[in-house]
């Protein structure tokens, strides 16, 4: 595939004027990419890159291509993007799928940008706090050592190290547990009265999907205004909570009784977001309470 026509772009939907100041590529444009584009003002011109692009809303220009395919991505880069936001979801939750998604995408992206005549000025790469491994209630930030113990964290860290080789500005965002509309696994579990799948004394760290999108927008805005960004941000809300307390709070707000008891031995990590707050980012949902209240209101509606 060696032409933009073969990438199945619907040229008629969009004004291709160069008056717009920033062309943004949302690579792997799923829920977070769509939410990001919805928050941007008319000063941004958004393209959404997916292998299946038909379902994108009309304010995102669709690009049907595979992020791991060098020839396709070489053609995509000819459009000339100022910023690339990468959000990847593996096809399955196993080691092979993670390698096929994260490592192959990172390798292709680095290679194609290094060879591009129109490289971006910024790449934002989405990663996860799973790279930190297991701690026992310790506070963790961007300067904390990483020690992933499972394949997912190991592969994500390897992909991060590839992204560091980019010749342009780059930011790695390590998100904690993302929740929000359409992400109802925990609510379904509590409503059904199921026992916790994790230790009730384990710390959990969360961030609402709308705040994830807000962080992407915030960093893009800072970059385009000429501010220097850190190469790593830990993206999590302001209130870590233990599984027991979270589930009890949810059950109370859902009018469900859970017969559970936490042990005295805590586990897990607590994440700090001072670097993000220091950039003057403002959370829509600073804690799980604000975020889940809105979700529960909509969840209860018939």
Protein backbone atom coordinates (compact mmCIF):
# COMPACT_ATOMS: atom_id res chain seq x y z
CA UNK A 1 0.00 0.00 0.00
CA UNK A 2 1.88 3.07 -1.22
CA UNK A 3 -0.64 5.86 -1.71
CA UNK A 4 -2.90 7.95 0.48
CA UNK A 5 -5.84 6.96 -1.70
CA UNK A 6 -5.29 3.35 -0.69
CA UNK A 7 -5.54 4.41 2.95
CA UNK A 8 -9.25 5.05 2.33
CA UNK A 9 -9.44 8.70 3.40
CA UNK A 10 -12.74 10.40 2.69
CA UNK A 11 -11.39 13.71 1.35
CA UNK A 12 -14.84 15.28 0.90
CA UNK A 13 -15.65 15.52 4.61
CA UNK A 14 -12.91 17.95 5.51
CA UNK A 15 -11.44 21.34 4.72
CA UNK A 16 -7.76 20.78 4.00
CA UNK A 17 -6.83 24.44 4.55
CA UNK A 18 -3.38 25.05 6.07
CA UNK A 19 -4.91 27.83 8.19
CA UNK A 20 -5.49 25.33 10.97
CA UNK A 21 -2.45 25.50 13.26
CA UNK A 22 -2.05 21.87 14.26
CA UNK A 23 -2.65 18.51 12.60
CA UNK A 24 -3.02 15.77 15.20
CA UNK A 25 -2.74 12.04 14.52
CA UNK A 26 -4.66 9.92 17.03
CA UNK A 27 -3.02 6.56 16.40
CA UNK A 28 -5.05 3.60 17.61
CA UNK A 29 -8.03 5.92 17.89
CA UNK A 30 -10.37 4.13 20.28
CA UNK A 31 -12.30 5.47 23.26
CA UNK A 32 -9.50 7.72 24.57
CA UNK A 33 -8.68 9.08 21.13
CA UNK A 34 -12.32 9.91 20.41
CA UNK A 35 -12.71 11.59 23.79
CA UNK A 36 -9.56 13.61 23.14
CA UNK A 37 -10.74 14.83 19.76
CA UNK A 38 -14.14 15.79 21.22
CA UNK A 39 -12.44 18.10 23.74
CA UNK A 40 -10.26 19.95 21.23
CA UNK A 41 -11.30 23.31 19.81
CA UNK A 42 -11.25 24.31 16.15
CA UNK A 43 -7.55 25.10 16.36
CA UNK A 44 -6.83 21.39 15.93
CA UNK A 45 -7.35 19.17 12.93
CA UNK A 46 -7.71 15.54 14.05
CA UNK A 47 -6.99 12.37 12.11
CA UNK A 48 -7.88 8.99 13.58
CA UNK A 49 -5.75 6.02 12.56
CA UNK A 50 -7.28 2.57 12.98
CA UNK A 51 -7.35 -0.70 11.11
CA UNK A 52 -11.15 -0.29 11.05
CA UNK A 53 -11.96 3.41 10.84
CA UNK A 54 -15.62 3.42 9.74
CA UNK A 55 -17.00 4.02 13.25
CA UNK A 56 -15.17 7.27 13.96
CA UNK A 57 -17.30 10.40 14.56
CA UNK A 58 -17.42 13.03 11.85
CA UNK A 59 -15.07 15.43 13.65
CA UNK A 60 -12.21 12.96 13.19
CA UNK A 61 -10.75 12.36 9.75
CA UNK A 62 -10.41 8.59 9.30
CA UNK A 63 -7.20 6.89 8.21
CA UNK A 64 -7.48 3.14 7.71
CA UNK A 65 -3.99 1.82 8.33
CA UNK A 66 -2.01 -0.50 10.59
CA UNK A 67 0.38 1.18 13.02
CA UNK A 68 2.72 -1.81 12.74
CA UNK A 69 2.92 -1.66 8.92
CA UNK A 70 5.93 0.40 7.84
CA UNK A 71 4.79 1.06 4.26
CA UNK A 72 1.35 2.23 5.34
CA UNK A 73 2.77 4.43 8.09
CA UNK A 74 5.32 5.92 5.72
CA UNK A 75 2.45 7.14 3.53
CA UNK A 76 0.50 8.39 6.56
CA UNK A 77 3.46 10.49 7.67
CA UNK A 78 3.40 12.36 4.37
CA UNK A 79 0.33 14.23 5.65
CA UNK A 80 2.61 16.08 8.06
CA UNK A 81 1.46 15.95 11.68
CA UNK A 82 2.66 18.29 14.38
CA UNK A 83 1.67 15.87 17.13
CA UNK A 84 1.04 12.12 17.32
CA UNK A 85 -0.93 10.63 20.23
CA UNK A 86 -0.60 6.84 20.49
CA UNK A 87 -3.20 4.80 22.39
CA UNK A 88 -2.98 1.06 21.76
CA UNK A 89 -5.27 -1.77 22.79
CA UNK A 90 -3.94 -5.31 22.21
CA UNK A 91 -6.21 -7.81 20.47
CA UNK A 92 -5.99 -10.11 23.50
CA UNK A 93 -4.51 -10.06 26.98
CA UNK A 94 -1.60 -12.41 26.48
CA UNK A 95 2.10 -12.00 25.87
CA UNK A 96 1.96 -12.58 22.13
CA UNK A 97 -0.76 -9.96 21.63
CA UNK A 98 1.10 -7.42 23.76
CA UNK A 99 4.28 -7.89 21.75
CA UNK A 100 2.39 -7.65 18.47
CA UNK A 101 0.73 -4.43 19.58
CA UNK A 102 3.15 -2.41 21.69
CA UNK A 103 6.59 -3.52 20.55
CA UNK A 104 5.75 -3.72 16.86
CA UNK A 105 4.03 -0.33 16.96
CA UNK A 106 6.88 1.36 18.82
CA UNK A 107 9.49 -0.13 16.49
CA UNK A 108 7.58 0.91 13.36
CA UNK A 109 6.87 4.40 14.68
CA UNK A 110 10.51 5.07 15.54
CA UNK A 111 11.69 3.81 12.18
CA UNK A 112 9.14 5.72 10.12
CA UNK A 113 9.67 9.01 11.98
CA UNK A 114 13.43 8.70 11.64
CA UNK A 115 13.01 8.32 7.89
CA UNK A 116 10.18 10.83 7.41
CA UNK A 117 10.52 14.09 5.50
CA UNK A 118 7.77 15.52 7.73
CA UNK A 119 8.44 14.29 11.27
CA UNK A 120 6.18 15.44 14.12
CA UNK A 121 7.42 17.82 16.78
CA UNK A 122 5.88 15.72 19.58
CA UNK A 123 4.87 12.09 20.17
CA UNK A 124 2.81 11.16 23.23
CA UNK A 125 3.01 7.43 24.01
CA UNK A 126 0.47 5.77 26.31
CA UNK A 127 1.87 3.30 28.83
CA UNK A 128 0.84 1.95 32.22
CA UNK A 129 1.82 2.01 35.88
CA UNK A 130 2.26 -1.78 35.65
CA UNK A 131 5.93 -1.10 34.81
CA UNK A 132 6.57 -0.40 38.52
CA UNK A 133 6.02 -3.95 39.71
CA UNK A 134 4.74 -4.80 43.17
CA UNK A 135 5.25 -2.58 46.20
CA UNK A 136 3.79 -2.78 49.71
CA UNK A 137 1.86 0.45 50.14
CA UNK A 138 4.79 2.57 48.98
CA UNK A 139 4.34 5.94 47.32
CA UNK A 140 5.55 5.94 43.71
CA UNK A 141 6.30 8.77 41.29
CA UNK A 142 8.18 9.34 38.03
CA UNK A 143 11.57 8.99 39.75
CA UNK A 144 10.78 5.66 41.40
CA UNK A 145 12.61 2.58 40.07
CA UNK A 146 10.73 0.27 37.73
CA UNK A 147 10.68 -3.49 38.25
CA UNK A 148 7.89 -5.10 36.22
CA UNK A 149 7.28 -8.68 37.24
CA UNK A 150 4.67 -9.67 34.68
CA UNK A 151 4.84 -9.85 30.90
CA UNK A 152 2.57 -6.84 30.37
CA UNK A 153 4.72 -4.48 32.43
CA UNK A 154 7.93 -5.86 30.92
CA UNK A 155 6.67 -5.37 27.36
CA UNK A 156 5.33 -1.89 28.08
CA UNK A 157 8.68 -0.87 29.55
CA UNK A 158 10.51 -2.25 26.53
CA UNK A 159 8.22 -0.21 24.26
CA UNK A 160 8.85 2.92 26.36
CA UNK A 161 12.60 2.46 25.88
CA UNK A 162 12.09 2.25 22.11
CA UNK A 163 10.10 5.50 22.13
CA UNK A 164 13.01 7.24 23.88
CA UNK A 165 14.96 6.83 20.61
CA UNK A 166 12.64 9.18 18.71
CA UNK A 167 14.41 12.22 17.23
CA UNK A 168 11.55 14.57 18.23
CA UNK A 169 10.09 15.57 21.59
CA UNK A 170 8.38 12.65 23.28
CA UNK A 171 6.25 12.09 26.35
CA UNK A 172 5.39 8.77 27.96
CA UNK A 173 2.16 8.79 29.97
CA UNK A 174 1.86 6.02 32.52
CA UNK A 175 -1.85 5.72 33.29
CA UNK A 176 -3.18 4.01 36.38
CA UNK A 177 -6.50 2.10 36.27
CA UNK A 178 -8.80 3.81 33.78
CA UNK A 179 -12.53 3.89 34.52
CA UNK A 180 -15.42 5.80 33.01
CA UNK A 181 -18.48 5.41 30.78
CA UNK A 182 -18.60 1.97 29.21
CA UNK A 183 -16.06 0.59 31.69
CA UNK A 184 -18.46 -1.05 34.15
CA UNK A 185 -16.68 -4.25 35.20
CA UNK A 186 -16.28 -3.19 38.82
CA UNK A 187 -19.83 -1.83 39.05
CA UNK A 188 -21.23 -5.04 37.57
CA UNK A 189 -19.20 -7.07 40.05
CA UNK A 190 -20.42 -5.06 43.06
CA UNK A 191 -24.03 -5.10 41.87
CA UNK A 192 -23.88 -8.88 41.54
CA UNK A 193 -22.46 -9.18 45.05
CA UNK A 194 -19.41 -11.01 43.75
CA UNK A 195 -16.34 -11.32 45.91
CA UNK A 196 -13.37 -9.12 45.11
CA UNK A 197 -10.95 -10.52 42.57
CA UNK A 198 -8.12 -8.72 44.37
CA UNK A 199 -6.97 -8.44 47.96
CA UNK A 200 -9.28 -6.03 49.77
CA UNK A 201 -6.23 -4.52 51.48
CA UNK A 202 -4.58 -3.74 48.14
CA UNK A 203 -4.24 -0.12 47.10
CA UNK A 204 -5.87 0.86 43.83
CA UNK A 205 -5.18 3.99 41.80
CA UNK A 206 -7.64 5.28 39.24
CA UNK A 207 -8.22 7.94 36.62
CA UNK A 208 -11.42 8.82 34.75
CA UNK A 209 -11.30 8.41 30.96
CA UNK A 210 -12.34 12.05 30.48
CA UNK A 211 -9.33 13.14 32.54
CA UNK A 212 -7.13 10.91 30.37
CA UNK A 213 -8.38 12.83 27.34
CA UNK A 214 -7.91 16.08 29.22
CA UNK A 215 -4.26 15.27 29.89
CA UNK A 216 -3.61 14.63 26.20
CA UNK A 217 -5.18 17.99 25.34
CA UNK A 218 -3.30 19.77 28.11
CA UNK A 219 0.10 18.46 27.02
CA UNK A 220 -0.60 19.27 23.38
CA UNK A 221 -1.55 22.82 24.31
CA UNK A 222 1.58 23.29 26.44
CA UNK A 223 3.78 21.96 23.65
CA UNK A 224 2.26 24.19 20.98
CA UNK A 225 2.71 27.19 23.29
CA UNK A 226 6.41 26.43 23.43
CA UNK A 227 6.65 24.98 26.93
CA UNK A 228 9.17 22.21 27.57
CA UNK A 229 7.55 18.99 28.74
CA UNK A 230 8.95 16.23 30.89
CA UNK A 231 9.50 12.97 29.01
CA UNK A 232 7.49 11.04 31.62
CA UNK A 233 4.26 11.76 33.51
CA UNK A 234 2.42 9.54 35.93
CA UNK A 235 -1.27 10.00 35.11
CA UNK A 236 -3.50 9.16 38.05
CA UNK A 237 -6.07 10.99 40.15
CA UNK A 238 -5.45 12.54 43.57
CA UNK A 239 -6.86 9.84 45.87
CA UNK A 240 -5.49 6.30 45.99
CA UNK A 241 -7.92 4.01 47.80
CA UNK A 242 -7.89 0.47 49.12
CA UNK A 243 -10.06 -2.09 47.37
CA UNK A 244 -12.16 -2.57 50.48
CA UNK A 245 -12.97 1.12 50.87
CA UNK A 246 -13.72 1.53 47.17
CA UNK A 247 -16.06 -1.46 47.05
CA UNK A 248 -17.84 -0.43 50.25
CA UNK A 249 -18.35 3.10 48.91
CA UNK A 250 -19.70 1.74 45.61
CA UNK A 251 -22.00 -0.75 47.33
CA UNK A 252 -23.42 2.02 49.53
CA UNK A 253 -24.14 4.22 46.52
CA UNK A 254 -25.60 1.28 44.59
CA UNK A 255 -27.70 0.14 47.58
CA UNK A 256 -26.02 -3.26 47.63
CA UNK A 257 -24.73 -5.07 50.72
CA UNK A 258 -21.29 -6.66 50.54
CA UNK A 259 -20.10 -8.98 53.31
CA UNK A 260 -16.36 -8.46 53.03
CA UNK A 261 -13.52 -7.78 55.42
CA UNK A 262 -10.05 -6.42 54.71
CA UNK A 263 -6.92 -7.82 56.30
CA UNK A 264 -4.37 -5.73 58.17
CA UNK A 265 -1.61 -6.47 55.64
CA UNK A 266 -1.66 -3.90 52.87
CA UNK A 267 -0.22 -4.37 49.40
CA UNK A 268 0.00 -2.54 46.11
CA UNK A 269 1.22 0.95 45.31
CA UNK A 270 0.08 4.52 45.78
CA UNK A 271 0.88 6.88 42.94
CA UNK A 272 1.73 10.56 43.16
CA UNK A 273 0.70 12.99 40.43
CA UNK A 274 2.65 16.10 41.54
CA UNK A 275 4.47 16.43 38.23
CA UNK A 276 1.16 16.54 36.37
CA UNK A 277 -0.38 18.97 38.86
CA UNK A 278 2.75 21.10 38.62
CA UNK A 279 2.02 21.58 34.91
CA UNK A 280 -1.26 23.26 36.01
CA UNK A 281 -3.47 20.42 34.87
CA UNK A 282 -6.93 20.56 36.46
CA UNK A 283 -8.81 17.32 37.03
CA UNK A 284 -12.49 17.06 36.20
CA UNK A 285 -12.65 14.18 38.69
CA UNK A 286 -9.90 14.51 41.34
CA UNK A 287 -11.01 11.30 43.05
CA UNK A 288 -13.02 8.17 42.38
CA UNK A 289 -15.96 9.64 44.33
CA UNK A 290 -16.60 12.47 41.88
CA UNK A 291 -16.04 10.23 38.88
CA UNK A 292 -18.17 7.30 39.99
CA UNK A 293 -21.03 9.53 41.20
CA UNK A 294 -21.67 10.63 37.63
CA UNK A 295 -21.31 7.11 36.25
CA UNK A 296 -23.68 5.68 38.87
CA UNK A 297 -26.32 8.31 38.09
CA UNK A 298 -26.28 7.28 34.45
CA UNK A 299 -25.92 3.60 35.35
CA UNK A 300 -29.12 3.65 37.40
CA UNK A 301 -31.20 5.21 34.64
CA UNK A 302 -33.52 2.72 32.90
